[in-house]
Amino acid sequence: FDVSGCNFLAINFRMTDIEESDIDNDDQKKEPGIFYIEVKDGRVDIQ
């Protein structure tokens, strides 16, 4: 990704067809398939 022109971007994504996640955390238990992509300080973080 060329993020040089992007100062800040934070987007949640929800995969609506995931009913049970293979990742064990509280957010996945409450809302399976949720994750975010953040662009900040020239870096991309996906969690």
ModelCIF file with pLDDT and N, C-alpha, C, O atoms, coordinates in Angstrom:
data_MODEL
#
_entry.id   MODEL 
#
_entity.id                         1 
_entity.type                       polymer 
_entity.pdbx_number_of_molecules   1 
#
_entity_poly.entity_id                      1 
_entity_poly.type                           'polypeptide(L)' 
_entity_poly.nstd_linkage                   no 
_entity_poly.nstd_monomer                   no 
_entity_poly.pdbx_seq_one_letter_code       FDVSGCNFLAINFRMTDIEESDIDNDDQKKEPGIFYIEVKDGRVDIQ 
_entity_poly.pdbx_seq_one_letter_code_can   FDVSGCNFLAINFRMTDIEESDIDNDDQKKEPGIFYIEVKDGRVDIQ 
_entity_poly.pdbx_strand_id                 A 
#
loop_
_entity_poly_seq.entity_id 
_entity_poly_seq.num 
_entity_poly_seq.mon_id 
_entity_poly_seq.hetero 
1 1  PHE n 
1 2  ASP n 
1 3  VAL n 
1 4  SER n 
1 5  GLY n 
1 6  CYS n 
1 7  ASN n 
1 8  PHE n 
1 9  LEU n 
1 10 ALA n 
1 11 ILE n 
1 12 ASN n 
1 13 PHE n 
1 14 ARG n 
1 15 MET n 
1 16 THR n 
1 17 ASP n 
1 18 ILE n 
1 19 GLU n 
1 20 GLU n 
1 21 SER n 
1 22 ASP n 
1 23 ILE n 
1 24 ASP n 
1 25 ASN n 
1 26 ASP n 
1 27 ASP n 
1 28 GLN n 
1 29 LYS n 
1 30 LYS n 
1 31 GLU n 
1 32 PRO n 
1 33 GLY n 
1 34 ILE n 
1 35 PHE n 
1 36 TYR n 
1 37 ILE n 
1 38 GLU n 
1 39 VAL n 
1 40 LYS n 
1 41 ASP n 
1 42 GLY n 
1 43 ARG n 
1 44 VAL n 
1 45 ASP n 
1 46 ILE n 
1 47 GLN n 
#
_struct_asym.id          A 
_struct_asym.entity_id   1 
#
loop_
_ma_qa_metric.id 
_ma_qa_metric.mode 
_ma_qa_metric.name 
_ma_qa_metric.software_group_id 
_ma_qa_metric.type 
1 global pLDDT . pLDDT 
2 local  pLDDT . pLDDT 
#
_ma_qa_metric_global.metric_id      1 
_ma_qa_metric_global.metric_value   93.81 
_ma_qa_metric_global.model_id       1 
_ma_qa_metric_global.ordinal_id     1 
#
loop_
_ma_qa_metric_local.label_asym_id 
_ma_qa_metric_local.label_comp_id 
_ma_qa_metric_local.label_seq_id 
_ma_qa_metric_local.metric_id 
_ma_qa_metric_local.metric_value 
_ma_qa_metric_local.model_id 
_ma_qa_metric_local.ordinal_id 
A PHE 1  2 84.00 1 1  
A ASP 2  2 84.00 1 2  
A VAL 3  2 88.00 1 3  
A SER 4  2 84.00 1 4  
A GLY 5  2 83.00 1 5  
A CYS 6  2 86.00 1 6  
A ASN 7  2 87.00 1 7  
A PHE 8  2 93.00 1 8  
A LEU 9  2 94.00 1 9  
A ALA 10 2 96.00 1 10 
A ILE 11 2 96.00 1 11 
A ASN 12 2 97.00 1 12 
A PHE 13 2 97.00 1 13 
A ARG 14 2 97.00 1 14 
A MET 15 2 97.00 1 15 
A THR 16 2 97.00 1 16 
A ASP 17 2 96.00 1 17 
A ILE 18 2 96.00 1 18 
A GLU 19 2 94.00 1 19 
A GLU 20 2 95.00 1 20 
A SER 21 2 95.00 1 21 
A ASP 22 2 96.00 1 22 
A ILE 23 2 96.00 1 23 
A ASP 24 2 95.00 1 24 
A ASN 25 2 96.00 1 25 
A ASP 26 2 96.00 1 26 
A ASP 27 2 96.00 1 27 
A GLN 28 2 97.00 1 28 
A LYS 29 2 96.00 1 29 
A LYS 30 2 96.00 1 30 
A GLU 31 2 96.00 1 31 
A PRO 32 2 97.00 1 32 
A GLY 33 2 97.00 1 33 
A ILE 34 2 98.00 1 34 
A PHE 35 2 97.00 1 35 
A TYR 36 2 97.00 1 36 
A ILE 37 2 95.00 1 37 
A GLU 38 2 95.00 1 38 
A VAL 39 2 94.00 1 39 
A LYS 40 2 92.00 1 40 
A ASP 41 2 91.00 1 41 
A GLY 42 2 88.00 1 42 
A ARG 43 2 91.00 1 43 
A VAL 44 2 93.00 1 44 
A ASP 45 2 95.00 1 45 
A ILE 46 2 96.00 1 46 
A GLN 47 2 97.00 1 47 
#
loop_
_atom_site.group_PDB 
_atom_site.id 
_atom_site.type_symbol 
_atom_site.label_atom_id 
_atom_site.label_alt_id 
_atom_site.label_comp_id 
_atom_site.label_asym_id 
_atom_site.label_entity_id 
_atom_site.label_seq_id 
_atom_site.pdbx_PDB_ins_code 
_atom_site.Cartn_x 
_atom_site.Cartn_y 
_atom_site.Cartn_z 
_atom_site.occupancy 
_atom_site.B_iso_or_equiv 
_atom_site.pdbx_formal_charge 
_atom_site.auth_seq_id 
_atom_site.auth_comp_id 
_atom_site.auth_asym_id 
_atom_site.auth_atom_id 
_atom_site.pdbx_PDB_model_num 
ATOM 1   N N  . PHE A 1 1  ? 0.838   -1.190  0.000  1.00 84.00 ? 1  PHE A N  1 
ATOM 2   C CA . PHE A 1 1  ? 0.000   0.000   0.000  1.00 84.00 ? 1  PHE A CA 1 
ATOM 3   C C  . PHE A 1 1  ? 0.875   1.242   0.000  1.00 84.00 ? 1  PHE A C  1 
ATOM 4   O O  . PHE A 1 1  ? 1.832   1.332   0.768  1.00 84.00 ? 1  PHE A O  1 
ATOM 5   N N  . ASP A 1 2  ? 0.550   2.197   -0.857 1.00 84.00 ? 2  ASP A N  1 
ATOM 6   C CA . ASP A 1 2  ? 1.200   3.499   -0.839 1.00 84.00 ? 2  ASP A CA 1 
ATOM 7   C C  . ASP A 1 2  ? 0.370   4.398   0.064  1.00 84.00 ? 2  ASP A C  1 
ATOM 8   O O  . ASP A 1 2  ? -0.670  4.910   -0.349 1.00 84.00 ? 2  ASP A O  1 
ATOM 9   N N  . VAL A 1 3  ? 0.822   4.589   1.280  1.00 88.00 ? 3  VAL A N  1 
ATOM 10  C CA . VAL A 1 3  ? 0.063   5.369   2.256  1.00 88.00 ? 3  VAL A CA 1 
ATOM 11  C C  . VAL A 1 3  ? 0.682   6.747   2.479  1.00 88.00 ? 3  VAL A C  1 
ATOM 12  O O  . VAL A 1 3  ? 0.379   7.416   3.467  1.00 88.00 ? 3  VAL A O  1 
ATOM 13  N N  . SER A 1 4  ? 1.541   7.163   1.567  1.00 84.00 ? 4  SER A N  1 
ATOM 14  C CA . SER A 1 4  ? 2.252   8.432   1.745  1.00 84.00 ? 4  SER A CA 1 
ATOM 15  C C  . SER A 1 4  ? 1.313   9.635   1.817  1.00 84.00 ? 4  SER A C  1 
ATOM 16  O O  . SER A 1 4  ? 1.629   10.601  2.511  1.00 84.00 ? 4  SER A O  1 
ATOM 17  N N  . GLY A 1 5  ? 0.188   9.614   1.136  1.00 83.00 ? 5  GLY A N  1 
ATOM 18  C CA . GLY A 1 5  ? -0.731  10.748  1.150  1.00 83.00 ? 5  GLY A CA 1 
ATOM 19  C C  . GLY A 1 5  ? -1.846  10.622  2.167  1.00 83.00 ? 5  GLY A C  1 
ATOM 20  O O  . GLY A 1 5  ? -2.760  11.446  2.184  1.00 83.00 ? 5  GLY A O  1 
ATOM 21  N N  . CYS A 1 6  ? -1.790  9.615   3.009  1.00 86.00 ? 6  CYS A N  1 
ATOM 22  C CA . CYS A 1 6  ? -2.868  9.352   3.968  1.00 86.00 ? 6  CYS A CA 1 
ATOM 23  C C  . CYS A 1 6  ? -2.373  9.660   5.374  1.00 86.00 ? 6  CYS A C  1 
ATOM 24  O O  . CYS A 1 6  ? -1.456  9.005   5.870  1.00 86.00 ? 6  CYS A O  1 
ATOM 25  N N  . ASN A 1 7  ? -2.976  10.655  6.019  1.00 87.00 ? 7  ASN A N  1 
ATOM 26  C CA . ASN A 1 7  ? -2.570  11.024  7.371  1.00 87.00 ? 7  ASN A CA 1 
ATOM 27  C C  . ASN A 1 7  ? -3.089  10.053  8.417  1.00 87.00 ? 7  ASN A C  1 
ATOM 28  O O  . ASN A 1 7  ? -2.342  9.595   9.282  1.00 87.00 ? 7  ASN A O  1 
ATOM 29  N N  . PHE A 1 8  ? -4.384  9.743   8.330  1.00 93.00 ? 8  PHE A N  1 
ATOM 30  C CA . PHE A 1 8  ? -4.983  8.836   9.306  1.00 93.00 ? 8  PHE A CA 1 
ATOM 31  C C  . PHE A 1 8  ? -6.234  8.218   8.702  1.00 93.00 ? 8  PHE A C  1 
ATOM 32  O O  . PHE A 1 8  ? -7.057  8.895   8.086  1.00 93.00 ? 8  PHE A O  1 
ATOM 33  N N  . LEU A 1 9  ? -6.346  6.923   8.898  1.00 94.00 ? 9  LEU A N  1 
ATOM 34  C CA . LEU A 1 9  ? -7.507  6.186   8.423  1.00 94.00 ? 9  LEU A CA 1 
ATOM 35  C C  . LEU A 1 9  ? -7.690  4.992   9.350  1.00 94.00 ? 9  LEU A C  1 
ATOM 36  O O  . LEU A 1 9  ? -6.751  4.227   9.568  1.00 94.00 ? 9  LEU A O  1 
ATOM 37  N N  . ALA A 1 10 ? -8.884  4.829   9.894  1.00 96.00 ? 10 ALA A N  1 
ATOM 38  C CA . ALA A 1 10 ? -9.171  3.689   10.768 1.00 96.00 ? 10 ALA A CA 1 
ATOM 39  C C  . ALA A 1 10 ? -10.531 3.127   10.373 1.00 96.00 ? 10 ALA A C  1 
ATOM 40  O O  . ALA A 1 10 ? -11.560 3.786   10.515 1.00 96.00 ? 10 ALA A O  1 
ATOM 41  N N  . ILE A 1 11 ? -10.512 1.899   9.874  1.00 96.00 ? 11 ILE A N  1 
ATOM 42  C CA . ILE A 1 11 ? -11.737 1.277   9.391  1.00 96.00 ? 11 ILE A CA 1 
ATOM 43  C C  . ILE A 1 11 ? -11.907 -0.091  10.037 1.00 96.00 ? 11 ILE A C  1 
ATOM 44  O O  . ILE A 1 11 ? -10.995 -0.917  10.032 1.00 96.00 ? 11 ILE A O  1 
ATOM 45  N N  . ASN A 1 12 ? -13.103 -0.313  10.597 1.00 97.00 ? 12 ASN A N  1 
ATOM 46  C CA . ASN A 1 12 ? -13.479 -1.645  11.047 1.00 97.00 ? 12 ASN A CA 1 
ATOM 47  C C  . ASN A 1 12 ? -14.044 -2.398  9.855  1.00 97.00 ? 12 ASN A C  1 
ATOM 48  O O  . ASN A 1 12 ? -14.747 -1.824  9.024  1.00 97.00 ? 12 ASN A O  1 
ATOM 49  N N  . PHE A 1 13 ? -13.739 -3.668  9.776  1.00 97.00 ? 13 PHE A N  1 
ATOM 50  C CA . PHE A 1 13 ? -14.326 -4.547  8.776  1.00 97.00 ? 13 PHE A CA 1 
ATOM 51  C C  . PHE A 1 13 ? -15.030 -5.671  9.511  1.00 97.00 ? 13 PHE A C  1 
ATOM 52  O O  . PHE A 1 13 ? -14.529 -6.185  10.512 1.00 97.00 ? 13 PHE A O  1 
ATOM 53  N N  . ARG A 1 14 ? -16.189 -6.045  9.011  1.00 97.00 ? 14 ARG A N  1 
ATOM 54  C CA . ARG A 1 14 ? -16.946 -7.145  9.613  1.00 97.00 ? 14 ARG A CA 1 
ATOM 55  C C  . ARG A 1 14 ? -17.302 -8.112  8.506  1.00 97.00 ? 14 ARG A C  1 
ATOM 56  O O  . ARG A 1 14 ? -18.072 -7.785  7.603  1.00 97.00 ? 14 ARG A O  1 
ATOM 57  N N  . MET A 1 15 ? -16.732 -9.314  8.582  1.00 97.00 ? 15 MET A N  1 
ATOM 58  C CA . MET A 1 15 ? -17.051 -10.363 7.619  1.00 97.00 ? 15 MET A CA 1 
ATOM 59  C C  . MET A 1 15 ? -18.338 -11.031 8.112  1.00 97.00 ? 15 MET A C  1 
ATOM 60  O O  . MET A 1 15 ? -18.324 -11.789 9.081  1.00 97.00 ? 15 MET A O  1 
ATOM 61  N N  . THR A 1 16 ? -19.430 -10.742 7.442  1.00 97.00 ? 16 THR A N  1 
ATOM 62  C CA . THR A 1 16 ? -20.755 -11.139 7.913  1.00 97.00 ? 16 THR A CA 1 
ATOM 63  C C  . THR A 1 16 ? -21.011 -12.634 7.851  1.00 97.00 ? 16 THR A C  1 
ATOM 64  O O  . THR A 1 16 ? -21.954 -13.124 8.473  1.00 97.00 ? 16 THR A O  1 
ATOM 65  N N  . ASP A 1 17 ? -20.191 -13.368 7.112  1.00 96.00 ? 17 ASP A N  1 
ATOM 66  C CA . ASP A 1 17 ? -20.411 -14.809 7.003  1.00 96.00 ? 17 ASP A CA 1 
ATOM 67  C C  . ASP A 1 17 ? -19.528 -15.621 7.950  1.00 96.00 ? 17 ASP A C  1 
ATOM 68  O O  . ASP A 1 17 ? -19.522 -16.850 7.880  1.00 96.00 ? 17 ASP A O  1 
ATOM 69  N N  . ILE A 1 18 ? -18.790 -14.959 8.826  1.00 96.00 ? 18 ILE A N  1 
ATOM 70  C CA . ILE A 1 18 ? -18.008 -15.662 9.848  1.00 96.00 ? 18 ILE A CA 1 
ATOM 71  C C  . ILE A 1 18 ? -18.850 -15.740 11.114 1.00 96.00 ? 18 ILE A C  1 
ATOM 72  O O  . ILE A 1 18 ? -19.141 -14.724 11.745 1.00 96.00 ? 18 ILE A O  1 
ATOM 73  N N  . GLU A 1 19 ? -19.230 -16.939 11.469 1.00 94.00 ? 19 GLU A N  1 
ATOM 74  C CA . GLU A 1 19 ? -20.058 -17.123 12.662 1.00 94.00 ? 19 GLU A CA 1 
ATOM 75  C C  . GLU A 1 19 ? -19.235 -17.488 13.886 1.00 94.00 ? 19 GLU A C  1 
ATOM 76  O O  . GLU A 1 19 ? -19.659 -17.266 15.020 1.00 94.00 ? 19 GLU A O  1 
ATOM 77  N N  . GLU A 1 20 ? -18.056 -18.050 13.647 1.00 95.00 ? 20 GLU A N  1 
ATOM 78  C CA . GLU A 1 20 ? -17.161 -18.409 14.746 1.00 95.00 ? 20 GLU A CA 1 
ATOM 79  C C  . GLU A 1 20 ? -15.734 -18.199 14.276 1.00 95.00 ? 20 GLU A C  1 
ATOM 80  O O  . GLU A 1 20 ? -15.305 -18.783 13.281 1.00 95.00 ? 20 GLU A O  1 
ATOM 81  N N  . SER A 1 21 ? -15.003 -17.365 14.995 1.00 95.00 ? 21 SER A N  1 
ATOM 82  C CA . SER A 1 21 ? -13.641 -17.018 14.607 1.00 95.00 ? 21 SER A CA 1 
ATOM 83  C C  . SER A 1 21 ? -12.642 -18.039 15.156 1.00 95.00 ? 21 SER A C  1 
ATOM 84  O O  . SER A 1 21 ? -12.877 -18.668 16.188 1.00 95.00 ? 21 SER A O  1 
ATOM 85  N N  . ASP A 1 22 ? -11.532 -18.187 14.448 1.00 96.00 ? 22 ASP A N  1 
ATOM 86  C CA . ASP A 1 22 ? -10.454 -19.049 14.932 1.00 96.00 ? 22 ASP A CA 1 
ATOM 87  C C  . ASP A 1 22 ? -9.460  -18.257 15.788 1.00 96.00 ? 22 ASP A C  1 
ATOM 88  O O  . ASP A 1 22 ? -8.424  -18.788 16.188 1.00 96.00 ? 22 ASP A O  1 
ATOM 89  N N  . ILE A 1 23 ? -9.772  -17.004 16.066 1.00 96.00 ? 23 ILE A N  1 
ATOM 90  C CA . ILE A 1 23 ? -8.951  -16.149 16.919 1.00 96.00 ? 23 ILE A CA 1 
ATOM 91  C C  . ILE A 1 23 ? -9.692  -15.972 18.241 1.00 96.00 ? 23 ILE A C  1 
ATOM 92  O O  . ILE A 1 23 ? -10.881 -15.656 18.262 1.00 96.00 ? 23 ILE A O  1 
ATOM 93  N N  . ASP A 1 24 ? -8.979  -16.180 19.334 1.00 95.00 ? 24 ASP A N  1 
ATOM 94  C CA . ASP A 1 24 ? -9.616  -16.165 20.653 1.00 95.00 ? 24 ASP A CA 1 
ATOM 95  C C  . ASP A 1 24 ? -9.331  -14.841 21.362 1.00 95.00 ? 24 ASP A C  1 
ATOM 96  O O  . ASP A 1 24 ? -8.284  -14.667 21.986 1.00 95.00 ? 24 ASP A O  1 
ATOM 97  N N  . ASN A 1 25 ? -10.276 -13.920 21.253 1.00 96.00 ? 25 ASN A N  1 
ATOM 98  C CA . ASN A 1 25 ? -10.236 -12.698 22.051 1.00 96.00 ? 25 ASN A CA 1 
ATOM 99  C C  . ASN A 1 25 ? -11.675 -12.243 22.290 1.00 96.00 ? 25 ASN A C  1 
ATOM 100 O O  . ASN A 1 25 ? -12.601 -12.743 21.653 1.00 96.00 ? 25 ASN A O  1 
ATOM 101 N N  . ASP A 1 26 ? -11.858 -11.304 23.199 1.00 96.00 ? 26 ASP A N  1 
ATOM 102 C CA . ASP A 1 26 ? -13.216 -10.885 23.575 1.00 96.00 ? 26 ASP A CA 1 
ATOM 103 C C  . ASP A 1 26 ? -13.993 -10.295 22.402 1.00 96.00 ? 26 ASP A C  1 
ATOM 104 O O  . ASP A 1 26 ? -15.192 -10.542 22.269 1.00 96.00 ? 26 ASP A O  1 
ATOM 105 N N  . ASP A 1 27 ? -13.315 -9.508  21.540 1.00 96.00 ? 27 ASP A N  1 
ATOM 106 C CA . ASP A 1 27 ? -14.015 -8.915  20.401 1.00 96.00 ? 27 ASP A CA 1 
ATOM 107 C C  . ASP A 1 27 ? -14.517 -9.985  19.445 1.00 96.00 ? 27 ASP A C  1 
ATOM 108 O O  . ASP A 1 27 ? -15.626 -9.872  18.924 1.00 96.00 ? 27 ASP A O  1 
ATOM 109 N N  . GLN A 1 28 ? -13.721 -11.023 19.207 1.00 97.00 ? 28 GLN A N  1 
ATOM 110 C CA . GLN A 1 28 ? -14.134 -12.096 18.304 1.00 97.00 ? 28 GLN A CA 1 
ATOM 111 C C  . GLN A 1 28 ? -15.262 -12.928 18.910 1.00 97.00 ? 28 GLN A C  1 
ATOM 112 O O  . GLN A 1 28 ? -16.109 -13.451 18.186 1.00 97.00 ? 28 GLN A O  1 
ATOM 113 N N  . LYS A 1 29 ? -15.272 -13.049 20.222 1.00 96.00 ? 29 LYS A N  1 
ATOM 114 C CA . LYS A 1 29 ? -16.365 -13.779 20.880 1.00 96.00 ? 29 LYS A CA 1 
ATOM 115 C C  . LYS A 1 29 ? -17.676 -13.011 20.763 1.00 96.00 ? 29 LYS A C  1 
ATOM 116 O O  . LYS A 1 29 ? -18.737 -13.603 20.563 1.00 96.00 ? 29 LYS A O  1 
ATOM 117 N N  . LYS A 1 30 ? -17.594 -11.676 20.891 1.00 96.00 ? 30 LYS A N  1 
ATOM 118 C CA . LYS A 1 30 ? -18.794 -10.840 20.802 1.00 96.00 ? 30 LYS A CA 1 
ATOM 119 C C  . LYS A 1 30 ? -19.236 -10.643 19.356 1.00 96.00 ? 30 LYS A C  1 
ATOM 120 O O  . LYS A 1 30 ? -20.432 -10.620 19.064 1.00 96.00 ? 30 LYS A O  1 
ATOM 121 N N  . GLU A 1 31 ? -18.279 -10.504 18.464 1.00 96.00 ? 31 GLU A N  1 
ATOM 122 C CA . GLU A 1 31 ? -18.575 -10.153 17.078 1.00 96.00 ? 31 GLU A CA 1 
ATOM 123 C C  . GLU A 1 31 ? -17.586 -10.873 16.149 1.00 96.00 ? 31 GLU A C  1 
ATOM 124 O O  . GLU A 1 31 ? -16.619 -10.266 15.690 1.00 96.00 ? 31 GLU A O  1 
ATOM 125 N N  . PRO A 1 32 ? -17.820 -12.156 15.872 1.00 97.00 ? 32 PRO A N  1 
ATOM 126 C CA . PRO A 1 32 ? -16.886 -12.916 15.035 1.00 97.00 ? 32 PRO A CA 1 
ATOM 127 C C  . PRO A 1 32 ? -16.693 -12.260 13.658 1.00 97.00 ? 32 PRO A C  1 
ATOM 128 O O  . PRO A 1 32 ? -17.649 -11.796 13.037 1.00 97.00 ? 32 PRO A O  1 
ATOM 129 N N  . GLY A 1 33 ? -15.455 -12.234 13.204 1.00 97.00 ? 33 GLY A N  1 
ATOM 130 C CA . GLY A 1 33 ? -15.164 -11.685 11.882 1.00 97.00 ? 33 GLY A CA 1 
ATOM 131 C C  . GLY A 1 33 ? -14.838 -10.210 11.871 1.00 97.00 ? 33 GLY A C  1 
ATOM 132 O O  . GLY A 1 33 ? -14.674 -9.626  10.800 1.00 97.00 ? 33 GLY A O  1 
ATOM 133 N N  . ILE A 1 34 ? -14.738 -9.586  13.044 1.00 98.00 ? 34 ILE A N  1 
ATOM 134 C CA . ILE A 1 34 ? -14.411 -8.156  13.109 1.00 98.00 ? 34 ILE A CA 1 
ATOM 135 C C  . ILE A 1 34 ? -12.889 -7.982  13.113 1.00 98.00 ? 34 ILE A C  1 
ATOM 136 O O  . ILE A 1 34 ? -12.172 -8.744  13.762 1.00 98.00 ? 34 ILE A O  1 
ATOM 137 N N  . PHE A 1 35 ? -12.410 -6.983  12.392 1.00 97.00 ? 35 PHE A N  1 
ATOM 138 C CA . PHE A 1 35 ? -10.999 -6.606  12.448 1.00 97.00 ? 35 PHE A CA 1 
ATOM 139 C C  . PHE A 1 35 ? -10.888 -5.168  11.982 1.00 97.00 ? 35 PHE A C  1 
ATOM 140 O O  . PHE A 1 35 ? -11.835 -4.613  11.424 1.00 97.00 ? 35 PHE A O  1 
ATOM 141 N N  . TYR A 1 36 ? -9.725  -4.562  12.212 1.00 97.00 ? 36 TYR A N  1 
ATOM 142 C CA . TYR A 1 36 ? -9.547  -3.189  11.747 1.00 97.00 ? 36 TYR A CA 1 
ATOM 143 C C  . TYR A 1 36 ? -8.268  -3.044  10.949 1.00 97.00 ? 36 TYR A C  1 
ATOM 144 O O  . TYR A 1 36 ? -7.308  -3.800  11.098 1.00 97.00 ? 36 TYR A O  1 
ATOM 145 N N  . ILE A 1 37 ? -8.302  -2.034  10.094 1.00 95.00 ? 37 ILE A N  1 
ATOM 146 C CA . ILE A 1 37 ? -7.121  -1.591  9.367  1.00 95.00 ? 37 ILE A CA 1 
ATOM 147 C C  . ILE A 1 37 ? -6.936  -0.123  9.725  1.00 95.00 ? 37 ILE A C  1 
ATOM 148 O O  . ILE A 1 37 ? -7.838  0.696   9.546  1.00 95.00 ? 37 ILE A O  1 
ATOM 149 N N  . GLU A 1 38 ? -5.751  0.192   10.232 1.00 95.00 ? 38 GLU A N  1 
ATOM 150 C CA . GLU A 1 38 ? -5.424  1.563   10.601 1.00 95.00 ? 38 GLU A CA 1 
ATOM 151 C C  . GLU A 1 38 ? -4.211  2.017   9.800  1.00 95.00 ? 38 GLU A C  1 
ATOM 152 O O  . GLU A 1 38 ? -3.217  1.298   9.698  1.00 95.00 ? 38 GLU A O  1 
ATOM 153 N N  . VAL A 1 39 ? -4.303  3.205   9.239  1.00 94.00 ? 39 VAL A N  1 
ATOM 154 C CA . VAL A 1 39 ? -3.162  3.841   8.579  1.00 94.00 ? 39 VAL A CA 1 
ATOM 155 C C  . VAL A 1 39 ? -2.818  5.061   9.412  1.00 94.00 ? 39 VAL A C  1 
ATOM 156 O O  . VAL A 1 39 ? -3.637  5.964   9.588  1.00 94.00 ? 39 VAL A O  1 
ATOM 157 N N  . LYS A 1 40 ? -1.591  5.075   9.922  1.00 92.00 ? 40 LYS A N  1 
ATOM 158 C CA . LYS A 1 40 ? -1.163  6.174   10.788 1.00 92.00 ? 40 LYS A CA 1 
ATOM 159 C C  . LYS A 1 40 ? 0.356   6.282   10.735 1.00 92.00 ? 40 LYS A C  1 
ATOM 160 O O  . LYS A 1 40 ? 1.065   5.279   10.813 1.00 92.00 ? 40 LYS A O  1 
ATOM 161 N N  . ASP A 1 41 ? 0.839   7.497   10.601 1.00 91.00 ? 41 ASP A N  1 
ATOM 162 C CA . ASP A 1 41 ? 2.287   7.761   10.587 1.00 91.00 ? 41 ASP A CA 1 
ATOM 163 C C  . ASP A 1 41 ? 3.012   6.933   9.530  1.00 91.00 ? 41 ASP A C  1 
ATOM 164 O O  . ASP A 1 41 ? 4.120   6.453   9.767  1.00 91.00 ? 41 ASP A O  1 
ATOM 165 N N  . GLY A 1 42 ? 2.385   6.767   8.360  1.00 88.00 ? 42 GLY A N  1 
ATOM 166 C CA . GLY A 1 42 ? 3.021   6.046   7.258  1.00 88.00 ? 42 GLY A CA 1 
ATOM 167 C C  . GLY A 1 42 ? 3.055   4.535   7.414  1.00 88.00 ? 42 GLY A C  1 
ATOM 168 O O  . GLY A 1 42 ? 3.752   3.847   6.669  1.00 88.00 ? 42 GLY A O  1 
ATOM 169 N N  . ARG A 1 43 ? 2.306   4.016   8.378  1.00 91.00 ? 43 ARG A N  1 
ATOM 170 C CA . ARG A 1 43 ? 2.285   2.577   8.621  1.00 91.00 ? 43 ARG A CA 1 
ATOM 171 C C  . ARG A 1 43 ? 0.865   2.044   8.541  1.00 91.00 ? 43 ARG A C  1 
ATOM 172 O O  . ARG A 1 43 ? -0.101  2.769   8.779  1.00 91.00 ? 43 ARG A O  1 
ATOM 173 N N  . VAL A 1 44 ? 0.750   0.763   8.202  1.00 93.00 ? 44 VAL A N  1 
ATOM 174 C CA . VAL A 1 44 ? -0.542  0.085   8.167  1.00 93.00 ? 44 VAL A CA 1 
ATOM 175 C C  . VAL A 1 44 ? -0.541  -0.972  9.260  1.00 93.00 ? 44 VAL A C  1 
ATOM 176 O O  . VAL A 1 44 ? 0.367   -1.800  9.338  1.00 93.00 ? 44 VAL A O  1 
ATOM 177 N N  . ASP A 1 45 ? -1.564  -0.937  10.100 1.00 95.00 ? 45 ASP A N  1 
ATOM 178 C CA . ASP A 1 45 ? -1.709  -1.911  11.182 1.00 95.00 ? 45 ASP A CA 1 
ATOM 179 C C  . ASP A 1 45 ? -3.034  -2.644  10.992 1.00 95.00 ? 45 ASP A C  1 
ATOM 180 O O  . ASP A 1 45 ? -4.067  -2.015  10.766 1.00 95.00 ? 45 ASP A O  1 
ATOM 181 N N  . ILE A 1 46 ? -3.005  -3.962  11.082 1.00 96.00 ? 46 ILE A N  1 
ATOM 182 C CA . ILE A 1 46 ? -4.197  -4.789  10.898 1.00 96.00 ? 46 ILE A CA 1 
ATOM 183 C C  . ILE A 1 46 ? -4.307  -5.705  12.110 1.00 96.00 ? 46 ILE A C  1 
ATOM 184 O O  . ILE A 1 46 ? -3.399  -6.487  12.392 1.00 96.00 ? 46 ILE A O  1 
ATOM 185 N N  . GLN A 1 47 ? -5.435  -5.602  12.830 1.00 97.00 ? 47 GLN A N  1 
ATOM 186 C CA . GLN A 1 47 ? -5.602  -6.355  14.063 1.00 97.00 ? 47 GLN A CA 1 
ATOM 187 C C  . GLN A 1 47 ? -7.001  -6.962  14.156 1.00 97.00 ? 47 GLN A C  1 
ATOM 188 O O  . GLN A 1 47 ? -7.318  -7.634  15.138 1.00 97.00 ? 47 GLN A O  1 
#
